[in-house]
Amino acid sequence: MTRWQIAALIIRASYGEDFSYPTTTYFSDVAASDSGFKYIQKMKALGLTKAEGMFYPDRVVTREEMAAFVSKTFIGME
């Protein structure tokens, strides 16, 4: 899965489709018109990603990244 797909999966599992998110773009490689924009924005706002500047939304997620996303989201680990 890609990073934006993981963002969508995690945010949908936690909030469904009805949630607020910052509209000011956090990442230079994620446009407001991108299909994953609201999920990526919400992940950043919640502190579930430490990415800065660029998110690389189409990059395949590594096992380490998946473990970090899942543990922060569902277990509350840092």
N, C-alpha and C. Protein backbone atom coordinates (compact mmCIF):
# COMPACT_ATOMS: atom_id res chain seq x y z
N MET A 1 0.84 -1.18 0.00
CA MET A 1 0.00 0.00 0.00
C MET A 1 0.89 1.24 0.00
N THR A 2 0.33 2.31 -0.52
CA THR A 2 1.07 3.57 -0.53
C THR A 2 0.81 4.35 0.76
N ARG A 3 1.62 5.37 0.97
CA ARG A 3 1.48 6.18 2.19
C ARG A 3 0.13 6.88 2.26
N TRP A 4 -0.39 7.35 1.12
CA TRP A 4 -1.68 8.03 1.19
C TRP A 4 -2.79 7.00 1.43
N GLN A 5 -2.67 5.79 0.91
CA GLN A 5 -3.67 4.75 1.15
C GLN A 5 -3.69 4.35 2.62
N ILE A 6 -2.53 4.26 3.23
CA ILE A 6 -2.45 3.95 4.66
C ILE A 6 -3.09 5.07 5.48
N ALA A 7 -2.82 6.31 5.08
CA ALA A 7 -3.44 7.46 5.77
C ALA A 7 -4.96 7.35 5.70
N ALA A 8 -5.49 7.05 4.52
CA ALA A 8 -6.94 6.92 4.36
C ALA A 8 -7.48 5.77 5.21
N LEU A 9 -6.80 4.64 5.22
CA LEU A 9 -7.23 3.49 6.00
C LEU A 9 -7.28 3.80 7.49
N ILE A 10 -6.22 4.40 8.00
CA ILE A 10 -6.14 4.70 9.42
C ILE A 10 -7.17 5.75 9.84
N ILE A 11 -7.29 6.80 9.08
CA ILE A 11 -8.24 7.86 9.45
C ILE A 11 -9.68 7.38 9.31
N ARG A 12 -9.98 6.63 8.26
CA ARG A 12 -11.34 6.08 8.11
C ARG A 12 -11.68 5.14 9.26
N ALA A 13 -10.72 4.32 9.68
CA ALA A 13 -10.96 3.39 10.79
C ALA A 13 -11.23 4.14 12.09
N SER A 14 -10.61 5.29 12.24
CA SER A 14 -10.75 6.07 13.47
C SER A 14 -11.91 7.06 13.45
N TYR A 15 -12.19 7.66 12.29
CA TYR A 15 -13.14 8.77 12.21
C TYR A 15 -14.24 8.61 11.18
N GLY A 16 -14.19 7.57 10.37
CA GLY A 16 -15.15 7.45 9.27
C GLY A 16 -14.80 8.46 8.19
N GLU A 17 -15.82 9.00 7.54
CA GLU A 17 -15.59 9.99 6.49
C GLU A 17 -15.94 11.41 6.92
N ASP A 18 -16.54 11.55 8.09
CA ASP A 18 -16.99 12.86 8.55
C ASP A 18 -16.07 13.37 9.66
N PHE A 19 -15.07 14.14 9.28
CA PHE A 19 -14.12 14.67 10.26
C PHE A 19 -13.57 15.99 9.74
N SER A 20 -13.09 16.80 10.65
CA SER A 20 -12.49 18.07 10.26
C SER A 20 -10.99 17.85 10.06
N TYR A 21 -10.40 18.71 9.24
CA TYR A 21 -8.97 18.64 8.97
C TYR A 21 -8.48 20.01 8.54
N PRO A 22 -7.22 20.32 8.79
CA PRO A 22 -6.67 21.62 8.39
C PRO A 22 -6.66 21.75 6.87
N THR A 23 -7.03 22.90 6.38
CA THR A 23 -7.05 23.12 4.93
C THR A 23 -5.77 23.77 4.41
N THR A 24 -4.95 24.27 5.30
CA THR A 24 -3.65 24.81 4.90
C THR A 24 -2.70 23.63 4.69
N THR A 25 -2.14 23.52 3.51
CA THR A 25 -1.32 22.38 3.13
C THR A 25 -0.07 22.24 3.99
N TYR A 26 0.12 21.06 4.55
CA TYR A 26 1.33 20.75 5.34
C TYR A 26 2.50 20.35 4.45
N PHE A 27 2.21 19.69 3.32
CA PHE A 27 3.26 19.08 2.51
C PHE A 27 3.25 19.62 1.09
N SER A 28 4.43 19.90 0.57
CA SER A 28 4.53 20.47 -0.78
C SER A 28 4.17 19.47 -1.88
N ASP A 29 4.17 18.18 -1.56
CA ASP A 29 3.85 17.17 -2.57
C ASP A 29 2.43 16.61 -2.44
N VAL A 30 1.59 17.27 -1.63
CA VAL A 30 0.20 16.86 -1.47
C VAL A 30 -0.68 18.08 -1.71
N ALA A 31 -1.30 18.13 -2.88
CA ALA A 31 -2.17 19.26 -3.23
C ALA A 31 -3.55 19.07 -2.62
N ALA A 32 -4.23 20.17 -2.37
CA ALA A 32 -5.58 20.12 -1.81
C ALA A 32 -6.54 19.34 -2.70
N SER A 33 -6.24 19.23 -3.97
CA SER A 33 -7.10 18.49 -4.91
C SER A 33 -6.80 16.99 -4.93
N ASP A 34 -5.76 16.54 -4.25
CA ASP A 34 -5.41 15.11 -4.22
C ASP A 34 -6.45 14.33 -3.43
N SER A 35 -6.72 13.11 -3.87
CA SER A 35 -7.74 12.30 -3.21
C SER A 35 -7.38 11.93 -1.77
N GLY A 36 -6.11 11.90 -1.44
CA GLY A 36 -5.71 11.58 -0.08
C GLY A 36 -5.47 12.78 0.81
N PHE A 37 -5.70 13.98 0.30
CA PHE A 37 -5.37 15.21 1.03
C PHE A 37 -5.97 15.25 2.43
N LYS A 38 -7.26 15.04 2.57
CA LYS A 38 -7.88 15.21 3.90
C LYS A 38 -7.37 14.19 4.90
N TYR A 39 -7.05 12.99 4.44
CA TYR A 39 -6.54 11.95 5.35
C TYR A 39 -5.11 12.26 5.79
N ILE A 40 -4.31 12.70 4.86
CA ILE A 40 -2.92 13.06 5.17
C ILE A 40 -2.89 14.26 6.10
N GLN A 41 -3.73 15.24 5.84
CA GLN A 41 -3.80 16.43 6.70
C GLN A 41 -4.20 16.04 8.13
N LYS A 42 -5.19 15.16 8.24
CA LYS A 42 -5.65 14.73 9.56
C LYS A 42 -4.55 13.96 10.29
N MET A 43 -3.84 13.09 9.58
CA MET A 43 -2.74 12.36 10.20
C MET A 43 -1.70 13.30 10.77
N LYS A 44 -1.34 14.32 10.00
CA LYS A 44 -0.34 15.29 10.46
C LYS A 44 -0.87 16.07 11.66
N ALA A 45 -2.12 16.51 11.57
CA ALA A 45 -2.71 17.28 12.67
C ALA A 45 -2.76 16.48 13.97
N LEU A 46 -2.95 15.18 13.86
CA LEU A 46 -3.00 14.31 15.03
C LEU A 46 -1.62 13.89 15.53
N GLY A 47 -0.59 14.23 14.77
CA GLY A 47 0.77 13.85 15.15
C GLY A 47 1.10 12.41 14.84
N LEU A 48 0.35 11.79 13.92
CA LEU A 48 0.58 10.40 13.57
C LEU A 48 1.70 10.23 12.55
N THR A 49 2.15 11.33 11.98
CA THR A 49 3.32 11.31 11.10
C THR A 49 4.24 12.45 11.50
N LYS A 50 5.51 12.17 11.45
CA LYS A 50 6.50 13.20 11.77
C LYS A 50 7.09 13.81 10.51
N ALA A 51 6.54 13.43 9.36
CA ALA A 51 7.04 13.95 8.08
C ALA A 51 7.00 15.47 8.08
N GLU A 52 8.00 16.06 7.45
CA GLU A 52 8.09 17.51 7.31
C GLU A 52 8.39 17.85 5.86
N GLY A 53 7.74 18.85 5.33
CA GLY A 53 8.03 19.31 3.97
C GLY A 53 7.38 18.49 2.89
N MET A 54 7.73 17.20 2.83
CA MET A 54 7.17 16.30 1.83
C MET A 54 6.67 15.03 2.51
N PHE A 55 5.55 14.51 2.00
CA PHE A 55 4.94 13.30 2.56
C PHE A 55 5.23 12.06 1.72
N TYR A 56 5.53 12.23 0.45
CA TYR A 56 5.74 11.12 -0.48
C TYR A 56 4.53 10.18 -0.51
N PRO A 57 3.36 10.72 -0.88
CA PRO A 57 2.11 9.96 -0.79
C PRO A 57 2.05 8.70 -1.64
N ASP A 58 2.80 8.63 -2.74
CA ASP A 58 2.73 7.47 -3.62
C ASP A 58 3.82 6.43 -3.34
N ARG A 59 4.62 6.69 -2.33
CA ARG A 59 5.66 5.72 -1.98
C ARG A 59 5.05 4.56 -1.21
N VAL A 60 5.54 3.37 -1.46
CA VAL A 60 5.05 2.17 -0.76
C VAL A 60 5.50 2.23 0.70
N VAL A 61 4.59 1.89 1.60
CA VAL A 61 4.87 1.92 3.03
C VAL A 61 5.76 0.74 3.42
N THR A 62 6.78 1.02 4.20
CA THR A 62 7.64 -0.04 4.71
C THR A 62 7.00 -0.68 5.94
N ARG A 63 7.49 -1.81 6.34
CA ARG A 63 6.98 -2.46 7.56
C ARG A 63 7.19 -1.56 8.78
N GLU A 64 8.33 -0.90 8.82
CA GLU A 64 8.63 -0.03 9.95
C GLU A 64 7.65 1.13 10.03
N GLU A 65 7.34 1.73 8.86
CA GLU A 65 6.37 2.84 8.84
C GLU A 65 4.99 2.35 9.25
N MET A 66 4.59 1.18 8.74
CA MET A 66 3.28 0.64 9.10
C MET A 66 3.20 0.39 10.60
N ALA A 67 4.23 -0.18 11.17
CA ALA A 67 4.26 -0.43 12.61
C ALA A 67 4.13 0.87 13.39
N ALA A 68 4.83 1.91 12.95
CA ALA A 68 4.76 3.19 13.64
C ALA A 68 3.37 3.80 13.53
N PHE A 69 2.78 3.80 12.34
CA PHE A 69 1.44 4.36 12.15
C PHE A 69 0.41 3.62 13.01
N VAL A 70 0.44 2.31 12.98
CA VAL A 70 -0.54 1.51 13.71
C VAL A 70 -0.35 1.65 15.22
N SER A 71 0.88 1.59 15.69
CA SER A 71 1.11 1.69 17.12
C SER A 71 0.73 3.06 17.67
N LYS A 72 1.01 4.12 16.93
CA LYS A 72 0.63 5.47 17.37
C LYS A 72 -0.88 5.65 17.37
N THR A 73 -1.53 5.13 16.34
CA THR A 73 -2.97 5.33 16.18
C THR A 73 -3.80 4.49 17.14
N PHE A 74 -3.54 3.21 17.20
CA PHE A 74 -4.42 2.31 17.91
C PHE A 74 -3.93 1.88 19.28
N ILE A 75 -2.63 2.04 19.55
CA ILE A 75 -2.09 1.65 20.84
C ILE A 75 -1.63 2.85 21.66
N GLY A 76 -1.41 3.97 20.98
CA GLY A 76 -0.98 5.18 21.67
C GLY A 76 0.50 5.21 21.98
N MET A 77 1.27 4.36 21.32
CA MET A 77 2.72 4.34 21.55
C MET A 77 3.40 5.44 20.77
N GLU A 78 4.52 5.90 21.24
CA GLU A 78 5.32 6.91 20.54
C GLU A 78 6.41 6.26 19.82
